[in-house]
Amino acid sequence: MVASMKNGSTKCVANGACPRHKSRTQLTPTRPKKPRSRDHVFTLGIEEEFQIVDPKTRELRSHIQEILADGKIILKEHLKPEMHQSVVELGTEVCEDACAARRQVVELRSGLARLAAHDGLKIASAGTHPFSHWMDQLITADDRYATIVKDMQQIARVNLIFGLHVHVGIPDREEAIDIMNQARYFLPHLYALSVNSPFWLGQNTGLKAYRQMIFQRFPRTGIPDAFESLSEYEDYLKLLVSTNCIDNAKKIWWDIRLHPFFNTIEFRICDAQSRVDDTIALAALMQAIVFKLQKLRRDNITFRSYPRRLIDENRWRASRYGLDGKMIDFGRKCEVDERELLHEMLAFIASEVDELGNHAELAHIEKIMRESTGADRQLAVWEQRRDMKAVVDQIVAETYQGLNL
């Protein structure tokens, strides 16, 4: 990656699962967490966008209104509609750690699956549906979505995609904008781990992640520029609002953003993940990255900030090849296998993983690197069966893994 990353520990970060993921007969002692002050507890919030699927046809079903009718009573504010009626969002509460996030994600997914089952439907989690067409999906009746469609027209109607958004809490917004600048470097690597949308409208796109190719047609998406200060960022927001570019700051949809209302850095680049384990592992990785960059900053050490035009090159490679390609190591000015760069990243955050107690989650990152991403698993089913319905069945099966049903 860069020279500063090579100064981190090279010790393996993930030599085994933590007790919370073992059976009672498998419990083994683990290293106790180091004490840390309150401002080092980087809370997590996770938002997942799900597909509502007819299990007979495997098509998307525009059914959010029916789910909301009962869902608001059961899942309350954790359940939200999206622009298309075949999309539903679940959002956790603020979670102190990855363990708490896992419990909430499992509980919320399980509740949504039960709601869908009442009407004979299933839920599925992937960045795109393999074959359903956006033209067949109804738009949710809501002033917000009506405004977006009026402004964006066909670009909005086509935007039938599903993402994973992770909030990492950080109370000092001046500090957060600096950390956001530096964290941009890691976005393509997070993207490569999360690719899960190789199909679009019944076609193999040849990309491991096509979702961002659809979404980047929107304005104010992709890798953001670096900001010199919080005031520069806030002045930018004020300018967009005052000139009627946007009516509120949430209409900035970058791959990473300082949230306009919460004291969080929000990572938005990842495809929706089929498996709970993948979602939690990515969230824990983002948490550790923010923690590491904050510690460096407080030690008066700055991780080098690269321009958007360079990071975009790696972003494209992540979308095209996932873990199987090469990315640019800007420090060494050469191409390097993505897995090698990811191992360097894990070494870079090793001490933070120790302090956060996220060894099991980071062990799962290693598993993804050894075995496959969601896109790889979808493509494997397609190569074996040549049946898009079988691909949907695979996504649904993974979405239900580990749920309490």
Protein backbone atom coordinates (compact mmCIF):
# COMPACT_ATOMS: atom_id res chain seq x y z
CA MET A 1 0.00 0.00 0.00
CA VAL A 2 2.22 2.79 1.27
CA ALA A 3 5.33 2.87 3.38
CA SER A 4 3.49 3.90 6.53
CA MET A 5 1.36 0.77 6.33
CA LYS A 6 4.38 -1.49 6.30
CA ASN A 7 5.41 -0.27 9.70
CA GLY A 8 2.44 -2.07 11.26
CA SER A 9 2.66 -5.47 12.91
CA THR A 10 2.89 -8.39 10.51
CA LYS A 11 1.47 -10.80 13.06
CA CYS A 12 -1.63 -12.67 11.91
CA VAL A 13 -4.74 -10.87 13.09
CA ALA A 14 -7.15 -13.75 12.85
CA ASN A 15 -5.86 -17.00 14.31
CA GLY A 16 -9.24 -18.24 15.45
CA ALA A 17 -12.84 -17.42 16.14
CA CYS A 18 -13.91 -15.69 19.32
CA PRO A 19 -16.06 -17.60 21.85
CA ARG A 20 -19.27 -15.86 20.81
CA HIS A 21 -19.18 -17.81 17.53
CA LYS A 22 -18.32 -21.21 19.05
CA SER A 23 -20.50 -23.86 20.58
CA ARG A 24 -20.34 -24.31 24.34
CA THR A 25 -18.04 -27.29 23.96
CA GLN A 26 -15.61 -25.25 21.87
CA LEU A 27 -15.06 -22.29 24.15
CA THR A 28 -11.44 -21.26 24.46
CA PRO A 29 -9.87 -18.39 26.40
CA THR A 30 -9.21 -15.23 24.41
CA ARG A 31 -6.99 -12.27 25.04
CA PRO A 32 -8.77 -9.73 27.27
CA LYS A 33 -9.61 -6.41 25.69
CA LYS A 34 -7.34 -3.54 26.56
CA PRO A 35 -9.00 -0.74 28.50
CA ARG A 36 -9.84 2.28 26.38
CA SER A 37 -11.31 5.66 27.03
CA ARG A 38 -14.86 6.45 25.96
CA ASP A 39 -13.86 8.47 22.90
CA HIS A 40 -12.06 5.39 21.56
CA VAL A 41 -15.30 3.38 21.47
CA PHE A 42 -16.25 3.78 17.82
CA THR A 43 -19.91 2.83 17.73
CA LEU A 44 -21.45 1.06 14.77
CA GLY A 45 -24.71 1.53 12.91
CA ILE A 46 -25.61 -0.72 9.98
CA GLU A 47 -28.17 -0.15 7.23
CA GLU A 48 -28.99 -2.97 4.80
CA GLU A 49 -31.22 -2.78 1.72
CA PHE A 50 -33.11 -5.98 0.87
CA GLN A 51 -34.93 -7.37 -2.14
CA ILE A 52 -38.51 -8.59 -1.75
CA VAL A 53 -38.71 -11.76 -3.85
CA ASP A 54 -41.51 -14.04 -5.03
CA PRO A 55 -40.18 -17.56 -4.26
CA LYS A 56 -42.07 -19.08 -7.22
CA THR A 57 -41.00 -16.76 -10.02
CA ARG A 58 -37.86 -15.45 -8.22
CA GLU A 59 -38.83 -12.01 -9.52
CA LEU A 60 -38.85 -8.90 -7.38
CA ARG A 61 -42.26 -8.09 -5.92
CA SER A 62 -43.43 -4.51 -5.28
CA HIS A 63 -44.74 -5.27 -1.82
CA ILE A 64 -43.30 -2.73 0.62
CA GLN A 65 -46.64 -1.16 1.57
CA GLU A 66 -48.01 -4.48 2.79
CA ILE A 67 -44.82 -5.20 4.76
CA LEU A 68 -44.87 -1.73 6.31
CA ALA A 69 -48.45 -2.21 7.51
CA ASP A 70 -47.41 -4.85 10.05
CA GLY A 71 -43.69 -4.14 10.07
CA LYS A 72 -43.92 -0.72 11.67
CA ILE A 73 -45.55 -2.32 14.69
CA ILE A 74 -42.98 -5.11 14.96
CA LEU A 75 -39.74 -3.51 13.76
CA LYS A 76 -40.72 0.12 14.39
CA GLU A 77 -38.28 2.71 13.04
CA HIS A 78 -35.75 0.05 12.09
CA LEU A 79 -37.84 -0.64 8.97
CA LYS A 80 -37.97 1.89 6.14
CA PRO A 81 -39.21 1.95 2.54
CA GLU A 82 -36.99 2.87 -0.38
CA MET A 83 -37.78 4.44 -3.73
CA HIS A 84 -38.85 1.18 -5.38
CA GLN A 85 -41.56 -0.82 -3.65
CA SER A 86 -39.56 -4.03 -4.04
CA VAL A 87 -36.82 -2.65 -1.79
CA VAL A 88 -36.87 -2.46 2.00
CA GLU A 89 -34.23 -1.05 4.36
CA LEU A 90 -33.34 -2.23 7.84
CA GLY A 91 -31.27 -0.08 10.18
CA THR A 92 -29.81 -1.05 13.54
CA GLU A 93 -29.66 1.13 16.61
CA VAL A 94 -26.31 2.54 17.70
CA CYS A 95 -24.20 -0.51 18.61
CA GLU A 96 -21.26 -0.42 21.01
CA ASP A 97 -19.34 -3.17 19.21
CA ALA A 98 -19.48 -5.78 16.48
CA CYS A 99 -21.10 -8.32 18.81
CA ALA A 100 -24.04 -6.00 19.47
CA ALA A 101 -24.26 -5.19 15.76
CA ARG A 102 -24.43 -8.89 14.92
CA ARG A 103 -27.26 -9.49 17.37
CA GLN A 104 -29.27 -6.62 15.91
CA VAL A 105 -28.64 -7.55 12.28
CA VAL A 106 -29.72 -11.14 12.95
CA GLU A 107 -32.79 -10.00 14.88
CA LEU A 108 -33.85 -7.48 12.23
CA ARG A 109 -33.27 -9.83 9.30
CA SER A 110 -35.23 -12.53 11.11
CA GLY A 111 -38.12 -10.16 11.78
CA LEU A 112 -38.22 -9.04 8.16
CA ALA A 113 -38.09 -12.63 6.92
CA ARG A 114 -41.08 -13.51 9.10
CA LEU A 115 -43.02 -10.50 7.82
CA ALA A 116 -42.32 -11.48 4.21
CA ALA A 117 -43.34 -15.08 4.96
CA HIS A 118 -46.80 -13.92 6.04
CA ASP A 119 -47.44 -13.09 2.38
CA GLY A 120 -45.59 -16.07 0.96
CA LEU A 121 -42.51 -14.01 0.03
CA LYS A 122 -38.77 -14.15 0.69
CA ILE A 123 -36.06 -11.57 1.24
CA ALA A 124 -32.72 -11.54 -0.55
CA SER A 125 -29.57 -9.49 -0.09
CA ALA A 126 -27.26 -8.68 -3.01
CA GLY A 127 -26.22 -5.53 -4.83
CA THR A 128 -28.57 -6.16 -7.78
CA HIS A 129 -31.31 -8.63 -8.60
CA PRO A 130 -29.96 -11.02 -11.25
CA PHE A 131 -32.78 -10.54 -13.77
CA SER A 132 -35.80 -8.47 -12.64
CA HIS A 133 -36.29 -5.33 -14.73
CA TRP A 134 -36.56 -1.87 -13.19
CA MET A 135 -39.45 -1.05 -15.56
CA ASP A 136 -41.62 -3.61 -13.77
CA GLN A 137 -41.15 -2.06 -10.31
CA LEU A 138 -43.51 0.44 -8.73
CA ILE A 139 -42.24 3.68 -7.19
CA THR A 140 -43.09 4.24 -3.51
CA ALA A 141 -45.72 6.93 -3.00
CA ASP A 142 -43.74 9.48 -0.99
CA ASP A 143 -42.95 13.16 -1.53
CA ARG A 144 -39.23 12.54 -1.15
CA TYR A 145 -39.13 9.91 -3.88
CA ALA A 146 -41.47 11.87 -6.11
CA THR A 147 -39.03 14.80 -5.92
CA ILE A 148 -36.07 12.57 -6.76
CA VAL A 149 -37.86 11.09 -9.78
CA LYS A 150 -38.93 14.55 -10.92
CA ASP A 151 -35.36 15.81 -10.67
CA MET A 152 -33.49 12.74 -11.95
CA GLN A 153 -36.09 11.24 -14.29
CA GLN A 154 -34.91 8.01 -15.95
CA ILE A 155 -31.72 7.94 -13.87
CA ALA A 156 -33.84 7.57 -10.73
CA ARG A 157 -36.23 5.00 -12.17
CA VAL A 158 -33.34 2.78 -13.27
CA ASN A 159 -31.71 2.91 -9.83
CA LEU A 160 -32.88 -0.52 -8.68
CA ILE A 161 -29.90 -1.36 -6.49
CA PHE A 162 -29.16 -2.54 -2.97
CA GLY A 163 -26.37 -1.32 -0.70
CA LEU A 164 -24.75 -1.76 2.69
CA HIS A 165 -24.13 1.44 4.64
CA VAL A 166 -22.02 1.41 7.82
CA HIS A 167 -21.82 4.31 10.28
CA VAL A 168 -18.77 4.53 12.53
CA GLY A 169 -19.27 6.95 15.39
CA ILE A 170 -16.77 9.73 15.98
CA PRO A 171 -17.81 12.71 18.13
CA ASP A 172 -15.28 15.31 16.94
CA ARG A 173 -16.44 16.42 13.48
CA GLU A 174 -13.28 18.41 12.77
CA GLU A 175 -11.31 15.24 13.43
CA ALA A 176 -13.82 13.21 11.44
CA ILE A 177 -13.43 15.22 8.22
CA ASP A 178 -9.67 14.64 8.32
CA ILE A 179 -10.15 10.93 8.94
CA MET A 180 -12.67 10.77 6.11
CA ASN A 181 -10.08 12.26 3.76
CA GLN A 182 -7.58 9.55 4.66
CA ALA A 183 -10.11 6.70 4.73
CA ARG A 184 -10.89 7.32 1.04
CA TYR A 185 -7.74 5.36 0.19
CA PHE A 186 -9.24 2.18 1.64
CA LEU A 187 -12.57 2.40 -0.19
CA PRO A 188 -11.57 0.35 -3.27
CA HIS A 189 -10.23 -2.40 -0.99
CA LEU A 190 -13.48 -2.50 0.98
CA TYR A 191 -15.31 -2.54 -2.35
CA ALA A 192 -13.25 -5.49 -3.61
CA LEU A 193 -14.18 -7.50 -0.51
CA SER A 194 -17.88 -6.67 -0.87
CA VAL A 195 -18.54 -7.14 -4.60
CA ASN A 196 -21.93 -8.84 -4.93
CA SER A 197 -23.67 -7.64 -8.11
CA PRO A 198 -22.33 -9.36 -11.24
CA PHE A 199 -25.71 -9.62 -13.00
CA TRP A 200 -28.05 -6.96 -14.38
CA LEU A 201 -31.30 -7.51 -16.30
CA GLY A 202 -30.54 -11.17 -16.86
CA GLN A 203 -27.04 -10.64 -18.21
CA ASN A 204 -23.61 -11.43 -16.86
CA THR A 205 -22.08 -7.96 -16.91
CA GLY A 206 -18.48 -9.19 -16.78
CA LEU A 207 -18.00 -7.05 -13.67
CA LYS A 208 -17.94 -8.34 -10.10
CA ALA A 209 -19.93 -5.28 -8.98
CA TYR A 210 -22.32 -3.56 -11.36
CA ARG A 211 -24.37 -1.75 -8.69
CA GLN A 212 -22.05 1.25 -8.51
CA MET A 213 -22.08 1.54 -12.30
CA ILE A 214 -25.82 2.19 -12.02
CA PHE A 215 -25.60 4.48 -9.02
CA GLN A 216 -22.79 6.68 -10.33
CA ARG A 217 -25.20 8.13 -12.89
CA PHE A 218 -26.55 10.16 -9.98
CA PRO A 219 -24.76 13.44 -9.22
CA ARG A 220 -22.59 13.71 -6.10
CA THR A 221 -21.63 10.04 -5.99
CA GLY A 222 -18.34 8.14 -6.02
CA ILE A 223 -15.11 9.08 -4.26
CA PRO A 224 -15.32 12.58 -2.73
CA ASP A 225 -12.60 15.18 -2.99
CA ALA A 226 -10.53 15.85 0.11
CA PHE A 227 -11.59 18.78 2.31
CA GLU A 228 -9.09 21.01 4.07
CA SER A 229 -11.34 21.52 7.08
CA LEU A 230 -14.80 21.02 8.51
CA SER A 231 -15.66 24.62 7.65
CA GLU A 232 -14.77 24.03 3.97
CA TYR A 233 -17.06 20.99 3.96
CA GLU A 234 -19.90 22.91 5.63
CA ASP A 235 -19.47 25.84 3.23
CA TYR A 236 -19.78 23.40 0.34
CA LEU A 237 -23.04 22.04 1.74
CA LYS A 238 -24.42 25.54 2.30
CA LEU A 239 -23.54 26.53 -1.26
CA LEU A 240 -25.37 23.55 -2.74
CA VAL A 241 -28.47 24.26 -0.66
CA SER A 242 -28.46 28.01 -1.32
CA THR A 243 -28.14 27.48 -5.09
CA ASN A 244 -30.95 24.87 -5.15
CA CYS A 245 -28.66 22.02 -6.17
CA ILE A 246 -30.02 20.07 -3.21
CA ASP A 247 -32.63 20.75 -0.55
CA ASN A 248 -30.76 18.89 2.19
CA ALA A 249 -27.31 17.46 2.77
CA LYS A 250 -28.48 13.84 2.62
CA LYS A 251 -28.63 14.21 -1.16
CA ILE A 252 -24.87 13.90 -1.23
CA TRP A 253 -24.37 10.20 -1.94
CA TRP A 254 -20.60 9.74 -1.92
CA ASP A 255 -18.95 6.40 -1.22
CA ILE A 256 -17.97 7.86 2.14
CA ARG A 257 -19.37 10.93 3.82
CA LEU A 258 -19.45 12.77 7.09
CA HIS A 259 -23.10 12.30 7.95
CA PRO A 260 -24.92 15.65 7.97
CA PHE A 261 -27.01 14.86 11.06
CA PHE A 262 -25.17 12.17 13.03
CA ASN A 263 -21.63 12.29 14.38
CA THR A 264 -20.57 9.41 12.16
CA ILE A 265 -18.43 8.63 9.17
CA GLU A 266 -20.70 6.69 6.81
CA PHE A 267 -19.20 4.11 4.45
CA ARG A 268 -21.54 3.68 1.47
CA ILE A 269 -19.44 1.92 -1.17
CA CYS A 270 -20.28 -1.72 -0.42
CA ASP A 271 -22.85 -3.90 -2.16
CA ALA A 272 -25.51 -5.43 0.06
CA GLN A 273 -24.10 -8.63 1.53
CA SER A 274 -25.94 -11.93 1.37
CA ARG A 275 -24.47 -13.41 4.55
CA VAL A 276 -24.70 -11.84 8.00
CA ASP A 277 -21.06 -12.83 8.63
CA ASP A 278 -19.91 -10.78 5.64
CA THR A 279 -21.87 -7.71 6.74
CA ILE A 280 -20.47 -7.78 10.26
CA ALA A 281 -16.91 -8.48 9.13
CA LEU A 282 -16.94 -5.48 6.78
CA ALA A 283 -18.41 -3.25 9.50
CA ALA A 284 -15.72 -4.34 11.97
CA LEU A 285 -13.03 -3.67 9.37
CA MET A 286 -14.34 -0.15 8.77
CA GLN A 287 -14.46 0.45 12.52
CA ALA A 288 -10.82 -0.62 12.88
CA ILE A 289 -9.72 1.60 9.99
CA VAL A 290 -11.35 4.68 11.53
CA PHE A 291 -9.85 3.81 14.92
CA LYS A 292 -6.37 3.44 13.41
CA LEU A 293 -6.53 6.73 11.54
CA GLN A 294 -7.80 8.55 14.63
CA LYS A 295 -4.90 7.17 16.70
CA LEU A 296 -2.39 8.25 14.09
CA ARG A 297 -3.90 11.71 14.02
CA ARG A 298 -3.72 12.05 17.78
CA ASP A 299 -0.08 10.98 17.59
CA ASN A 300 0.42 13.77 15.04
CA ILE A 301 0.99 11.25 12.24
CA THR A 302 -0.94 11.66 9.01
CA PHE A 303 -1.77 8.85 6.62
CA ARG A 304 -1.09 10.16 3.15
CA SER A 305 -4.16 11.57 1.37
CA TYR A 306 -4.33 10.70 -2.33
CA PRO A 307 -6.30 12.61 -4.97
CA ARG A 308 -9.63 11.30 -6.16
CA ARG A 309 -8.36 10.67 -9.69
CA LEU A 310 -5.91 8.05 -8.39
CA ILE A 311 -8.30 6.36 -5.98
CA ASP A 312 -10.83 6.14 -8.84
CA GLU A 313 -8.42 3.91 -10.75
CA ASN A 314 -8.49 1.35 -7.95
CA ARG A 315 -12.24 1.77 -7.54
CA TRP A 316 -12.74 0.71 -11.16
CA ARG A 317 -10.44 -2.29 -10.74
CA ALA A 318 -12.37 -3.39 -7.65
CA SER A 319 -15.65 -3.22 -9.56
CA ARG A 320 -14.27 -5.14 -12.51
CA TYR A 321 -12.21 -7.84 -10.82
CA GLY A 322 -13.10 -7.94 -7.11
CA LEU A 323 -10.33 -9.78 -5.27
CA ASP A 324 -8.91 -11.36 -8.41
CA GLY A 325 -7.24 -8.33 -9.95
CA LYS A 326 -4.32 -6.05 -9.26
CA MET A 327 -4.54 -2.58 -7.75
CA ILE A 328 -2.15 0.29 -7.81
CA ASP A 329 0.13 0.71 -4.82
CA PHE A 330 0.56 4.47 -5.05
CA GLY A 331 3.52 4.52 -2.66
CA ARG A 332 5.48 1.99 -4.69
CA LYS A 333 3.99 3.17 -8.01
CA CYS A 334 3.27 -0.32 -9.24
CA GLU A 335 0.51 -2.90 -9.58
CA VAL A 336 0.09 -5.38 -6.73
CA ASP A 337 -2.25 -8.33 -6.28
CA GLU A 338 -5.30 -7.17 -4.34
CA ARG A 339 -5.00 -9.92 -1.74
CA GLU A 340 -1.45 -8.82 -0.94
CA LEU A 341 -2.63 -5.26 -0.36
CA LEU A 342 -5.45 -6.51 1.84
CA HIS A 343 -3.00 -8.49 3.96
CA GLU A 344 -0.97 -5.30 4.40
CA MET A 345 -4.14 -3.47 5.44
CA LEU A 346 -4.94 -6.13 8.05
CA ALA A 347 -1.40 -5.84 9.43
CA PHE A 348 -1.82 -2.05 9.52
CA ILE A 349 -4.88 -2.30 11.81
CA ALA A 350 -3.75 -5.32 13.87
CA SER A 351 -3.32 -3.45 17.17
CA GLU A 352 -6.71 -1.76 16.76
CA VAL A 353 -8.34 -5.15 16.19
CA ASP A 354 -6.75 -6.24 19.49
CA GLU A 355 -8.23 -3.26 21.33
CA LEU A 356 -11.66 -3.57 19.75
CA GLY A 357 -11.79 -7.33 20.26
CA ASN A 358 -12.78 -7.98 16.64
CA HIS A 359 -10.59 -11.02 15.99
CA ALA A 360 -13.44 -13.27 14.86
CA GLU A 361 -14.74 -10.63 12.44
CA LEU A 362 -11.32 -10.04 10.92
CA ALA A 363 -10.81 -13.81 10.68
CA HIS A 364 -13.88 -13.81 8.45
CA ILE A 365 -12.27 -11.16 6.23
CA GLU A 366 -9.40 -13.63 5.78
CA LYS A 367 -11.97 -16.30 4.90
CA ILE A 368 -13.49 -14.11 2.18
CA MET A 369 -10.00 -13.55 0.79
CA ARG A 370 -9.25 -17.30 0.80
CA GLU A 371 -12.58 -18.48 -0.53
CA SER A 372 -14.88 -16.08 -2.35
CA THR A 373 -16.94 -12.92 -2.44
CA GLY A 374 -20.69 -12.86 -2.96
CA ALA A 375 -20.14 -12.14 -6.65
CA ASP A 376 -17.86 -15.17 -7.00
CA ARG A 377 -20.48 -17.40 -5.42
CA GLN A 378 -23.22 -16.08 -7.69
CA LEU A 379 -21.03 -16.61 -10.74
CA ALA A 380 -20.17 -20.15 -9.64
CA VAL A 381 -23.88 -21.05 -9.52
CA TRP A 382 -24.39 -19.50 -12.95
CA GLU A 383 -21.48 -21.44 -14.44
CA GLN A 384 -22.83 -24.69 -13.00
CA ARG A 385 -26.54 -24.23 -13.75
CA ARG A 386 -26.90 -21.52 -16.41
CA ASP A 387 -30.12 -20.59 -14.59
CA MET A 388 -30.72 -17.11 -13.16
CA LYS A 389 -33.43 -18.51 -10.89
CA ALA A 390 -30.83 -20.78 -9.32
CA VAL A 391 -28.69 -17.71 -8.67
CA VAL A 392 -31.60 -16.06 -6.86
CA ASP A 393 -32.09 -19.24 -4.81
CA GLN A 394 -28.43 -19.09 -3.80
CA ILE A 395 -28.75 -15.44 -2.70
CA VAL A 396 -31.91 -16.18 -0.71
CA ALA A 397 -30.33 -19.19 1.00
CA GLU A 398 -27.32 -17.16 2.08
CA THR A 399 -29.52 -14.30 3.27
CA TYR A 400 -31.31 -16.69 5.64
CA GLN A 401 -28.13 -18.27 7.06
CA GLY A 402 -27.99 -17.92 10.83
CA LEU A 403 -31.40 -16.28 11.22
CA ASN A 404 -33.80 -17.08 14.06
CA LEU A 405 -36.79 -18.49 12.20
